[in-house]
Amino acid sequence: MKAKTALFSLSLLLAASQQALSWGDDGHKTVALIAQQCLTPSVKNQVAAMLAADTDPLTQHDIASEATWADKYRVHHPETQNWHFTDIEISNPDLTAACFGRQPLPAGTVASNGPPEACAVDKIGQFEAELSASNTDSEERLVALKFLLHFVGDLHQPLHSSDNHDRGGNDVKVTVDGFPHNPKKDELHGFWDTQFVDGIATPPATLAKQLLAQITPDDASAWATGTPDDWAMEAFNIAQSDTYGNPPLSKNKPQHLDSSYVDTAEVDVRLQLSRAGIRLAYVLNKNLGSEQADWNSCLRAAR
């Protein structure tokens, strides 16, 4: 009986974890591979050494695989579920409300043990502080790195920075031109996580190379500015205008997404994955080094 109960509990956690996996593994790996291209040599070596020392069996220990770790971790730690989102309501955008009042981390608490009521924006700030601090415990510093590899990507998925009282689009059923229909799985959120990503190119190494070839040094310089608050609102604006549209897609009945919607979505996905990759490089270079990448050099080397 105990075994059956344990299996049932695990199945519930697995079901919960599948409700809103931002970008899916392919998207997160793509973001990490873009970032890796524009890490400074010193930071690239630090990241590789930290991940090589990781003993957690949830993922392999290359940067692309570790970028998916936080989704695997929350299967066993559902208290981290809210950390993946910044659910800004499209009808009343309020970042403070989306971030549970933006309460500071309790004194003496490491970020990985922080309260469940926190959003992706604030967790990025907390883990950045730990990563940059030389006195952070080495185990916590590694965890901070792994969460950052994931959460910077999360923030750029439009449905992880927006909501329409529909669990970030998970309650919106869709049929989509050009994609096979599966009534049990066709949610708006899932398409932005996975199908629209894989519709551009697979595997992640191929997609990352394609996106890197399209990023200009001016793009990278412009994107490597601002704060996670700014990046969340930027993703929110895409969700409001393109993902949900006007009037917003409804959860009241299945919605049909035509080829024009798909074309716009794939443009947005390309942009957001590219921005996330450059900004992840920016975050890691800033917190593990003393200088930023030469965007001309790293992007030229990717071609």
C-alpha atoms as a PDB file:
ATOM      1  CA  MET A   1       0.000   0.000   0.000  1.00  0.00           C
ATOM      2  CA  LYS A   2       2.813   2.394   0.850  1.00  0.00           C
ATOM      3  CA  ALA A   3       4.448   1.701  -2.509  1.00  0.00           C
ATOM      4  CA  LYS A   4       1.201   2.450  -4.331  1.00  0.00           C
ATOM      5  CA  THR A   5       0.806   5.682  -2.367  1.00  0.00           C
ATOM      6  CA  ALA A   6       4.355   6.728  -3.194  1.00  0.00           C
ATOM      7  CA  LEU A   7       3.825   5.979  -6.868  1.00  0.00           C
ATOM      8  CA  PHE A   8       0.568   7.926  -6.867  1.00  0.00           C
ATOM      9  CA  SER A   9       2.237  10.915  -5.214  1.00  0.00           C
ATOM     10  CA  LEU A  10       5.046  10.822  -7.741  1.00  0.00           C
ATOM     11  CA  SER A  11       2.551  10.674 -10.602  1.00  0.00           C
ATOM     12  CA  LEU A  12       0.835  13.785  -9.266  1.00  0.00           C
ATOM     13  CA  LEU A  13       4.153  15.609  -9.138  1.00  0.00           C
ATOM     14  CA  LEU A  14       4.992  14.504 -12.649  1.00  0.00           C
ATOM     15  CA  ALA A  15       1.605  15.679 -13.892  1.00  0.00           C
ATOM     16  CA  ALA A  16       2.061  19.043 -12.219  1.00  0.00           C
ATOM     17  CA  SER A  17       5.526  19.424 -13.684  1.00  0.00           C
ATOM     18  CA  GLN A  18       4.229  18.830 -17.196  1.00  0.00           C
ATOM     19  CA  GLN A  19       1.648  21.594 -17.030  1.00  0.00           C
ATOM     20  CA  ALA A  20       3.982  24.401 -18.041  1.00  0.00           C
ATOM     21  CA  LEU A  21       7.535  23.467 -18.896  1.00  0.00           C
ATOM     22  CA  SER A  22       8.833  26.673 -20.434  1.00  0.00           C
ATOM     23  CA  TRP A  23      10.396  26.188 -23.859  1.00  0.00           C
ATOM     24  CA  GLY A  24      10.691  22.436 -23.283  1.00  0.00           C
ATOM     25  CA  ASP A  25      14.160  20.894 -23.168  1.00  0.00           C
ATOM     26  CA  ASP A  26      15.019  21.882 -26.746  1.00  0.00           C
ATOM     27  CA  GLY A  27      14.370  25.560 -26.139  1.00  0.00           C
ATOM     28  CA  HIS A  28      16.371  25.661 -22.917  1.00  0.00           C
ATOM     29  CA  LYS A  29      19.278  23.827 -24.530  1.00  0.00           C
ATOM     30  CA  THR A  30      19.205  26.275 -27.425  1.00  0.00           C
ATOM     31  CA  VAL A  31      19.383  29.247 -25.047  1.00  0.00           C
ATOM     32  CA  ALA A  32      22.331  27.721 -23.202  1.00  0.00           C
ATOM     33  CA  LEU A  33      24.227  26.950 -26.415  1.00  0.00           C
ATOM     34  CA  ILE A  34      23.782  30.518 -27.638  1.00  0.00           C
ATOM     35  CA  ALA A  35      25.031  31.801 -24.286  1.00  0.00           C
ATOM     36  CA  GLN A  36      28.017  29.459 -24.277  1.00  0.00           C
ATOM     37  CA  GLN A  37      29.192  30.947 -27.578  1.00  0.00           C
ATOM     38  CA  CYS A  38      29.494  34.401 -25.992  1.00  0.00           C
ATOM     39  CA  LEU A  39      30.949  33.604 -22.586  1.00  0.00           C
ATOM     40  CA  THR A  40      34.384  35.079 -22.019  1.00  0.00           C
ATOM     41  CA  PRO A  41      37.127  32.411 -21.931  1.00  0.00           C
ATOM     42  CA  SER A  42      37.517  32.761 -18.161  1.00  0.00           C
ATOM     43  CA  VAL A  43      33.804  32.463 -17.483  1.00  0.00           C
ATOM     44  CA  LYS A  44      33.410  29.587 -19.925  1.00  0.00           C
ATOM     45  CA  ASN A  45      36.111  27.692 -18.024  1.00  0.00           C
ATOM     46  CA  GLN A  46      34.509  28.462 -14.656  1.00  0.00           C
ATOM     47  CA  VAL A  47      31.101  27.288 -15.812  1.00  0.00           C
ATOM     48  CA  ALA A  48      32.522  24.092 -17.285  1.00  0.00           C
ATOM     49  CA  ALA A  49      34.459  23.340 -14.087  1.00  0.00           C
ATOM     50  CA  MET A  50      31.463  23.966 -11.837  1.00  0.00           C
ATOM     51  CA  LEU A  51      29.176  21.775 -13.919  1.00  0.00           C
ATOM     52  CA  ALA A  52      31.801  19.020 -14.213  1.00  0.00           C
ATOM     53  CA  ALA A  53      31.849  18.838 -10.410  1.00  0.00           C
ATOM     54  CA  ASP A  54      28.071  18.362 -10.256  1.00  0.00           C
ATOM     55  CA  THR A  55      27.037  14.954  -8.912  1.00  0.00           C
ATOM     56  CA  ASP A  56      23.272  15.367  -9.312  1.00  0.00           C
ATOM     57  CA  PRO A  57      22.020  12.567 -11.615  1.00  0.00           C
ATOM     58  CA  LEU A  58      18.960  14.486 -12.864  1.00  0.00           C
ATOM     59  CA  THR A  59      20.836  15.661 -15.977  1.00  0.00           C
ATOM     60  CA  GLN A  60      24.133  15.272 -17.723  1.00  0.00           C
ATOM     61  CA  HIS A  61      26.623  17.975 -16.841  1.00  0.00           C
ATOM     62  CA  ASP A  62      27.201  19.927 -20.046  1.00  0.00           C
ATOM     63  CA  ILE A  63      25.754  23.436 -20.123  1.00  0.00           C
ATOM     64  CA  ALA A  64      22.874  22.533 -22.461  1.00  0.00           C
ATOM     65  CA  SER A  65      21.693  19.607 -20.342  1.00  0.00           C
ATOM     66  CA  GLU A  66      22.073  21.544 -17.082  1.00  0.00           C
ATOM     67  CA  ALA A  67      19.835  24.266 -18.496  1.00  0.00           C
ATOM     68  CA  THR A  68      16.976  21.745 -18.221  1.00  0.00           C
ATOM     69  CA  TRP A  69      17.818  20.747 -14.629  1.00  0.00           C
ATOM     70  CA  ALA A  70      15.374  23.074 -12.868  1.00  0.00           C
ATOM     71  CA  ASP A  71      12.381  21.442 -14.586  1.00  0.00           C
ATOM     72  CA  LYS A  72      13.559  17.992 -13.492  1.00  0.00           C
ATOM     73  CA  TYR A  73      14.256  19.286  -9.983  1.00  0.00           C
ATOM     74  CA  ARG A  74      10.761  20.674  -9.498  1.00  0.00           C
ATOM     75  CA  VAL A  75       9.263  17.229 -10.092  1.00  0.00           C
ATOM     76  CA  HIS A  76      10.742  16.335  -6.710  1.00  0.00           C
ATOM     77  CA  HIS A  77      10.520  19.860  -5.250  1.00  0.00           C
ATOM     78  CA  PRO A  78       7.115  21.304  -6.210  1.00  0.00           C
ATOM     79  CA  GLU A  79       7.743  24.166  -3.793  1.00  0.00           C
ATOM     80  CA  THR A  80       9.914  25.670  -6.579  1.00  0.00           C
ATOM     81  CA  GLN A  81       7.042  25.663  -9.100  1.00  0.00           C
ATOM     82  CA  ASN A  82       6.210  29.376  -8.869  1.00  0.00           C
ATOM     83  CA  TRP A  83       9.835  30.365  -9.367  1.00  0.00           C
ATOM     84  CA  HIS A  84       9.564  29.542 -13.084  1.00  0.00           C
ATOM     85  CA  PHE A  85       6.952  32.245 -13.784  1.00  0.00           C
ATOM     86  CA  THR A  86       6.202  35.927 -13.575  1.00  0.00           C
ATOM     87  CA  ASP A  87       2.476  35.746 -14.244  1.00  0.00           C
ATOM     88  CA  ILE A  88       1.605  39.330 -15.174  1.00  0.00           C
ATOM     89  CA  GLU A  89      -2.124  39.576 -15.893  1.00  0.00           C
ATOM     90  CA  ILE A  90      -2.725  40.940 -19.393  1.00  0.00           C
ATOM     91  CA  SER A  91      -5.823  42.849 -18.286  1.00  0.00           C
ATOM     92  CA  ASN A  92      -4.064  44.523 -15.340  1.00  0.00           C
ATOM     93  CA  PRO A  93      -0.276  44.352 -15.630  1.00  0.00           C
ATOM     94  CA  ASP A  94       1.177  44.569 -12.125  1.00  0.00           C
ATOM     95  CA  LEU A  95       4.660  43.152 -11.661  1.00  0.00           C
ATOM     96  CA  THR A  96       4.503  43.446  -7.876  1.00  0.00           C
ATOM     97  CA  ALA A  97       1.305  41.403  -7.736  1.00  0.00           C
ATOM     98  CA  ALA A  98       2.768  38.845 -10.158  1.00  0.00           C
ATOM     99  CA  CYS A  99       5.730  38.518  -7.785  1.00  0.00           C
ATOM    100  CA  PHE A 100       3.672  37.913  -4.630  1.00  0.00           C
ATOM    101  CA  GLY A 101       4.373  41.387  -3.261  1.00  0.00           C
ATOM    102  CA  ARG A 102       8.128  41.099  -3.939  1.00  0.00           C
ATOM    103  CA  GLN A 103       9.043  40.087  -0.401  1.00  0.00           C
ATOM    104  CA  PRO A 104      12.800  39.988   0.253  1.00  0.00           C
ATOM    105  CA  LEU A 105      14.501  36.692   0.933  1.00  0.00           C
ATOM    106  CA  PRO A 106      14.310  36.034   4.706  1.00  0.00           C
ATOM    107  CA  ALA A 107      17.528  36.851   6.518  1.00  0.00           C
ATOM    108  CA  GLY A 108      19.903  33.916   6.717  1.00  0.00           C
ATOM    109  CA  THR A 109      18.038  31.922   4.034  1.00  0.00           C
ATOM    110  CA  VAL A 110      19.845  30.710   0.936  1.00  0.00           C
ATOM    111  CA  ALA A 111      17.959  31.345  -2.280  1.00  0.00           C
ATOM    112  CA  SER A 112      17.407  27.647  -3.030  1.00  0.00           C
ATOM    113  CA  ASN A 113      15.526  27.319   0.283  1.00  0.00           C
ATOM    114  CA  GLY A 114      13.492  30.467  -0.239  1.00  0.00           C
ATOM    115  CA  PRO A 115       9.712  30.558   0.163  1.00  0.00           C
ATOM    116  CA  PRO A 116       7.481  29.147  -2.609  1.00  0.00           C
ATOM    117  CA  GLU A 117       5.828  32.541  -3.127  1.00  0.00           C
ATOM    118  CA  ALA A 118       8.431  34.076  -5.413  1.00  0.00           C
ATOM    119  CA  CYS A 119       8.605  34.775  -9.149  1.00  0.00           C
ATOM    120  CA  ALA A 120      11.250  34.189 -11.820  1.00  0.00           C
ATOM    121  CA  VAL A 121      12.333  37.845 -11.867  1.00  0.00           C
ATOM    122  CA  ASP A 122      13.119  37.903  -8.150  1.00  0.00           C
ATOM    123  CA  LYS A 123      14.729  34.453  -8.100  1.00  0.00           C
ATOM    124  CA  ILE A 124      17.108  35.530 -10.881  1.00  0.00           C
ATOM    125  CA  GLY A 125      18.211  38.461  -8.706  1.00  0.00           C
ATOM    126  CA  GLN A 126      18.690  36.231  -5.672  1.00  0.00           C
ATOM    127  CA  PHE A 127      20.698  33.610  -7.543  1.00  0.00           C
ATOM    128  CA  GLU A 128      22.802  36.259  -9.287  1.00  0.00           C
ATOM    129  CA  ALA A 129      23.777  37.629  -5.878  1.00  0.00           C
ATOM    130  CA  GLU A 130      24.825  34.166  -4.720  1.00  0.00           C
ATOM    131  CA  LEU A 131      26.755  33.382  -7.889  1.00  0.00           C
ATOM    132  CA  SER A 132      28.767  36.596  -7.703  1.00  0.00           C
ATOM    133  CA  ALA A 133      29.559  36.360  -3.983  1.00  0.00           C
ATOM    134  CA  SER A 134      32.887  34.702  -3.230  1.00  0.00           C
ATOM    135  CA  ASN A 135      31.684  33.560   0.204  1.00  0.00           C
ATOM    136  CA  THR A 136      28.685  31.595  -1.102  1.00  0.00           C
ATOM    137  CA  ASP A 137      28.894  27.922  -0.184  1.00  0.00           C
ATOM    138  CA  SER A 138      30.174  25.975  -3.209  1.00  0.00           C
ATOM    139  CA  GLU A 139      27.149  23.681  -3.334  1.00  0.00           C
ATOM    140  CA  GLU A 140      24.722  26.612  -3.210  1.00  0.00           C
ATOM    141  CA  ARG A 141      26.766  28.464  -5.809  1.00  0.00           C
ATOM    142  CA  LEU A 142      26.434  25.515  -8.197  1.00  0.00           C
ATOM    143  CA  VAL A 143      22.682  25.385  -7.596  1.00  0.00           C
ATOM    144  CA  ALA A 144      22.495  29.137  -8.236  1.00  0.00           C
ATOM    145  CA  LEU A 145      24.256  28.638 -11.568  1.00  0.00           C
ATOM    146  CA  LYS A 146      21.895  25.836 -12.593  1.00  0.00           C
ATOM    147  CA  PHE A 147      18.794  27.814 -11.696  1.00  0.00           C
ATOM    148  CA  LEU A 148      20.107  30.832 -13.639  1.00  0.00           C
ATOM    149  CA  LEU A 149      20.776  28.669 -16.700  1.00  0.00           C
ATOM    150  CA  HIS A 150      17.070  27.865 -16.650  1.00  0.00           C
ATOM    151  CA  PHE A 151      15.274  30.901 -15.264  1.00  0.00           C
ATOM    152  CA  VAL A 152      16.758  33.424 -17.708  1.00  0.00           C
ATOM    153  CA  GLY A 153      15.255  31.267 -20.444  1.00  0.00           C
ATOM    154  CA  ASP A 154      11.946  30.953 -18.589  1.00  0.00           C
ATOM    155  CA  LEU A 155      11.582  34.704 -18.366  1.00  0.00           C
ATOM    156  CA  HIS A 156      11.664  35.059 -22.155  1.00  0.00           C
ATOM    157  CA  GLN A 157       8.877  32.584 -22.914  1.00  0.00           C
ATOM    158  CA  PRO A 158       5.922  34.975 -23.330  1.00  0.00           C
ATOM    159  CA  LEU A 159       3.523  32.685 -21.472  1.00  0.00           C
ATOM    160  CA  HIS A 160       5.893  32.575 -18.486  1.00  0.00           C
ATOM    161  CA  SER A 161       5.677  36.350 -18.190  1.00  0.00           C
ATOM    162  CA  SER A 162       1.917  36.681 -18.680  1.00  0.00           C
ATOM    163  CA  ASP A 163      -1.418  35.210 -17.696  1.00  0.00           C
ATOM    164  CA  ASN A 164      -5.098  35.602 -18.573  1.00  0.00           C
ATOM    165  CA  HIS A 165      -6.558  33.684 -15.626  1.00  0.00           C
ATOM    166  CA  ASP A 166      -5.765  30.534 -17.626  1.00  0.00           C
ATOM    167  CA  ARG A 167      -2.553  29.228 -16.012  1.00  0.00           C
ATOM    168  CA  GLY A 168      -0.390  30.943 -18.583  1.00  0.00           C
ATOM    169  CA  GLY A 169      -2.310  29.543 -21.527  1.00  0.00           C
ATOM    170  CA  ASN A 170      -2.418  25.975 -20.223  1.00  0.00           C
ATOM    171  CA  ASP A 171      -6.217  26.101 -20.081  1.00  0.00           C
ATOM    172  CA  VAL A 172      -6.538  27.345 -23.683  1.00  0.00           C
ATOM    173  CA  LYS A 173      -7.144  24.441 -26.085  1.00  0.00           C
ATOM    174  CA  VAL A 174      -6.003  25.055 -29.656  1.00  0.00           C
ATOM    175  CA  THR A 175      -5.878  23.587 -33.131  1.00  0.00           C
ATOM    176  CA  VAL A 176      -3.006  24.924 -35.186  1.00  0.00           C
ATOM    177  CA  ASP A 177      -2.547  25.078 -38.944  1.00  0.00           C
ATOM    178  CA  GLY A 178       0.359  22.938 -40.091  1.00  0.00           C
ATOM    179  CA  PHE A 179       0.655  20.932 -36.863  1.00  0.00           C
ATOM    180  CA  PRO A 180      -0.900  17.549 -36.007  1.00  0.00           C
ATOM    181  CA  HIS A 181      -3.854  17.718 -33.654  1.00  0.00           C
ATOM    182  CA  ASN A 182      -3.846  15.879 -30.331  1.00  0.00           C
ATOM    183  CA  PRO A 183      -6.919  16.795 -28.232  1.00  0.00           C
ATOM    184  CA  LYS A 184      -5.268  15.605 -25.016  1.00  0.00           C
ATOM    185  CA  LYS A 185      -2.160  17.763 -25.387  1.00  0.00           C
ATOM    186  CA  ASP A 186      -3.000  20.755 -27.562  1.00  0.00           C
ATOM    187  CA  GLU A 187      -2.701  23.689 -25.169  1.00  0.00           C
ATOM    188  CA  LEU A 188      -1.579  27.163 -26.162  1.00  0.00           C
ATOM    189  CA  HIS A 189       1.249  27.048 -23.644  1.00  0.00           C
ATOM    190  CA  GLY A 190       2.575  23.769 -25.001  1.00  0.00           C
ATOM    191  CA  PHE A 191       2.815  25.119 -28.532  1.00  0.00           C
ATOM    192  CA  TRP A 192       4.924  28.063 -27.406  1.00  0.00           C
ATOM    193  CA  ASP A 193       7.038  25.742 -25.248  1.00  0.00           C
ATOM    194  CA  THR A 194       7.778  23.083 -27.791  1.00  0.00           C
ATOM    195  CA  GLN A 195       5.999  22.827 -31.144  1.00  0.00           C
ATOM    196  CA  PHE A 196       6.813  26.339 -32.339  1.00  0.00           C
ATOM    197  CA  VAL A 197      10.451  25.840 -31.256  1.00  0.00           C
ATOM    198  CA  ASP A 198      10.848  22.497 -32.986  1.00  0.00           C
ATOM    199  CA  GLY A 199       8.980  23.866 -36.012  1.00  0.00           C
ATOM    200  CA  ILE A 200      11.944  26.168 -36.682  1.00  0.00           C
ATOM    201  CA  ALA A 201      14.769  23.605 -36.458  1.00  0.00           C
ATOM    202  CA  THR A 202      15.990  20.607 -34.507  1.00  0.00           C
ATOM    203  CA  PRO A 203      18.108  19.484 -32.691  1.00  0.00           C
ATOM    204  CA  PRO A 204      19.063  22.348 -30.337  1.00  0.00           C
ATOM    205  CA  ALA A 205      22.612  22.602 -31.688  1.00  0.00           C
ATOM    206  CA  THR A 206      21.231  23.194 -35.173  1.00  0.00           C
ATOM    207  CA  LEU A 207      18.717  25.761 -33.960  1.00  0.00           C
ATOM    208  CA  ALA A 208      21.325  27.587 -31.862  1.00  0.00           C
ATOM    209  CA  LYS A 209      23.695  27.778 -34.825  1.00  0.00           C
ATOM    210  CA  GLN A 210      20.909  29.107 -37.043  1.00  0.00           C
ATOM    211  CA  LEU A 211      19.927  31.772 -34.534  1.00  0.00           C
ATOM    212  CA  LEU A 212      23.529  32.798 -33.810  1.00  0.00           C
ATOM    213  CA  ALA A 213      24.050  33.377 -37.536  1.00  0.00           C
ATOM    214  CA  GLN A 214      21.200  35.898 -37.492  1.00  0.00           C
ATOM    215  CA  ILE A 215      22.223  37.858 -34.374  1.00  0.00           C
ATOM    216  CA  THR A 216      24.217  40.999 -35.129  1.00  0.00           C
ATOM    217  CA  PRO A 217      26.680  42.646 -32.721  1.00  0.00           C
ATOM    218  CA  ASP A 218      24.304  45.609 -32.538  1.00  0.00           C
ATOM    219  CA  ASP A 219      21.483  43.245 -31.532  1.00  0.00           C
ATOM    220  CA  ALA A 220      23.615  41.706 -28.799  1.00  0.00           C
ATOM    221  CA  SER A 221      24.737  45.096 -27.470  1.00  0.00           C
ATOM    222  CA  ALA A 222      21.140  46.302 -27.331  1.00  0.00           C
ATOM    223  CA  TRP A 223      19.861  43.146 -25.645  1.00  0.00           C
ATOM    224  CA  ALA A 224      22.626  42.977 -23.023  1.00  0.00           C
ATOM    225  CA  THR A 225      21.129  45.893 -21.129  1.00  0.00           C
ATOM    226  CA  GLY A 226      18.311  46.403 -18.672  1.00  0.00           C
ATOM    227  CA  THR A 227      17.150  44.200 -15.824  1.00  0.00           C
ATOM    228  CA  PRO A 228      15.077  41.033 -15.446  1.00  0.00           C
ATOM    229  CA  ASP A 229      12.124  43.324 -14.691  1.00  0.00           C
ATOM    230  CA  ASP A 230      12.578  44.930 -18.117  1.00  0.00           C
ATOM    231  CA  TRP A 231      12.952  41.563 -19.826  1.00  0.00           C
ATOM    232  CA  ALA A 232       9.791  40.223 -18.203  1.00  0.00           C
ATOM    233  CA  MET A 233       7.775  43.232 -19.349  1.00  0.00           C
ATOM    234  CA  GLU A 234       9.220  42.889 -22.845  1.00  0.00           C
ATOM    235  CA  ALA A 235       8.050  39.254 -22.975  1.00  0.00           C
ATOM    236  CA  PHE A 236       4.704  40.325 -21.511  1.00  0.00           C
ATOM    237  CA  ASN A 237       4.212  42.816 -24.336  1.00  0.00           C
ATOM    238  CA  ILE A 238       4.753  40.044 -26.892  1.00  0.00           C
ATOM    239  CA  ALA A 239       2.259  37.857 -25.071  1.00  0.00           C
ATOM    240  CA  GLN A 240      -0.310  40.624 -24.931  1.00  0.00           C
ATOM    241  CA  SER A 241      -0.035  41.577 -28.602  1.00  0.00           C
ATOM    242  CA  ASP A 242       0.822  38.296 -30.327  1.00  0.00           C
ATOM    243  CA  THR A 243       0.387  35.262 -28.072  1.00  0.00           C
ATOM    244  CA  TYR A 244      -3.047  36.196 -26.720  1.00  0.00           C
ATOM    245  CA  GLY A 245      -3.992  38.843 -29.285  1.00  0.00           C
ATOM    246  CA  ASN A 246      -6.961  41.193 -29.235  1.00  0.00           C
ATOM    247  CA  PRO A 247      -9.459  40.023 -28.202  1.00  0.00           C
ATOM    248  CA  PRO A 248      -7.443  37.549 -26.128  1.00  0.00           C
ATOM    249  CA  LEU A 249      -7.640  33.857 -26.949  1.00  0.00           C
ATOM    250  CA  SER A 250     -10.242  32.295 -24.703  1.00  0.00           C
ATOM    251  CA  LYS A 251     -10.231  29.199 -22.539  1.00  0.00           C
ATOM    252  CA  ASN A 252     -13.997  28.911 -22.955  1.00  0.00           C
ATOM    253  CA  LYS A 253     -13.798  26.951 -26.200  1.00  0.00           C
ATOM    254  CA  PRO A 254     -11.105  25.539 -28.525  1.00  0.00           C
ATOM    255  CA  GLN A 255      -9.267  28.224 -30.474  1.00  0.00           C
ATOM    256  CA  HIS A 256      -8.025  27.969 -34.058  1.00  0.00           C
ATOM    257  CA  LEU A 257      -4.556  29.362 -34.790  1.00  0.00           C
ATOM    258  CA  ASP A 258      -4.113  30.005 -38.499  1.00  0.00           C
ATOM    259  CA  SER A 259      -0.922  30.118 -40.567  1.00  0.00           C
ATOM    260  CA  SER A 260      -0.568  33.866 -40.001  1.00  0.00           C
ATOM    261  CA  TYR A 261      -0.538  33.294 -36.232  1.00  0.00           C
ATOM    262  CA  VAL A 262       2.058  30.538 -36.654  1.00  0.00           C
ATOM    263  CA  ASP A 263       4.307  32.777 -38.760  1.00  0.00           C
ATOM    264  CA  THR A 264       4.188  35.519 -36.128  1.00  0.00           C
ATOM    265  CA  ALA A 265       4.767  33.034 -33.314  1.00  0.00           C
ATOM    266  CA  GLU A 266       7.848  31.592 -34.960  1.00  0.00           C
ATOM    267  CA  VAL A 267       9.307  35.085 -35.481  1.00  0.00           C
ATOM    268  CA  ASP A 268       8.691  35.818 -31.797  1.00  0.00           C
ATOM    269  CA  VAL A 269      10.175  32.493 -30.688  1.00  0.00           C
ATOM    270  CA  ARG A 270      13.331  33.115 -32.715  1.00  0.00           C
ATOM    271  CA  LEU A 271      13.657  36.558 -31.172  1.00  0.00           C
ATOM    272  CA  GLN A 272      13.022  35.448 -27.596  1.00  0.00           C
ATOM    273  CA  LEU A 273      15.374  32.473 -27.720  1.00  0.00           C
ATOM    274  CA  SER A 274      18.069  34.726 -29.184  1.00  0.00           C
ATOM    275  CA  ARG A 275      17.548  37.432 -26.585  1.00  0.00           C
ATOM    276  CA  ALA A 276      17.565  34.862 -23.792  1.00  0.00           C
ATOM    277  CA  GLY A 277      20.836  33.348 -24.981  1.00  0.00           C
ATOM    278  CA  ILE A 278      22.629  36.688 -25.233  1.00  0.00           C
ATOM    279  CA  ARG A 279      21.254  37.814 -21.875  1.00  0.00           C
ATOM    280  CA  LEU A 280      22.241  34.554 -20.195  1.00  0.00           C
ATOM    281  CA  ALA A 281      25.794  35.147 -21.441  1.00  0.00           C
ATOM    282  CA  TYR A 282      25.563  38.705 -20.124  1.00  0.00           C
ATOM    283  CA  VAL A 283      24.349  37.510 -16.692  1.00  0.00           C
ATOM    284  CA  LEU A 284      27.063  34.858 -16.360  1.00  0.00           C
ATOM    285  CA  ASN A 285      29.859  37.133 -17.603  1.00  0.00           C
ATOM    286  CA  LYS A 286      28.734  39.851 -15.191  1.00  0.00           C
ATOM    287  CA  ASN A 287      28.563  37.597 -12.147  1.00  0.00           C
ATOM    288  CA  LEU A 288      31.530  35.308 -12.785  1.00  0.00           C
ATOM    289  CA  GLY A 289      33.939  37.700 -14.499  1.00  0.00           C
ATOM    290  CA  SER A 290      35.009  41.311 -14.754  1.00  0.00           C
ATOM    291  CA  GLU A 291      34.217  41.968 -18.418  1.00  0.00           C
ATOM    292  CA  GLN A 292      31.652  41.273 -21.106  1.00  0.00           C
ATOM    293  CA  ALA A 293      32.120  39.368 -24.328  1.00  0.00           C
ATOM    294  CA  ASP A 294      33.309  41.011 -27.505  1.00  0.00           C
ATOM    295  CA  TRP A 295      30.066  40.544 -29.410  1.00  0.00           C
ATOM    296  CA  ASN A 296      31.761  40.959 -32.782  1.00  0.00           C
ATOM    297  CA  SER A 297      34.256  38.202 -32.061  1.00  0.00           C
ATOM    298  CA  CYS A 298      31.939  35.647 -30.474  1.00  0.00           C
ATOM    299  CA  LEU A 299      29.236  36.032 -33.110  1.00  0.00           C
ATOM    300  CA  ARG A 300      31.712  35.984 -35.975  1.00  0.00           C
ATOM    301  CA  ALA A 301      33.195  32.753 -34.579  1.00  0.00           C
ATOM    302  CA  ALA A 302      29.717  31.194 -34.567  1.00  0.00           C
ATOM    303  CA  ARG A 303      29.294  31.641 -38.322  1.00  0.00           C
END
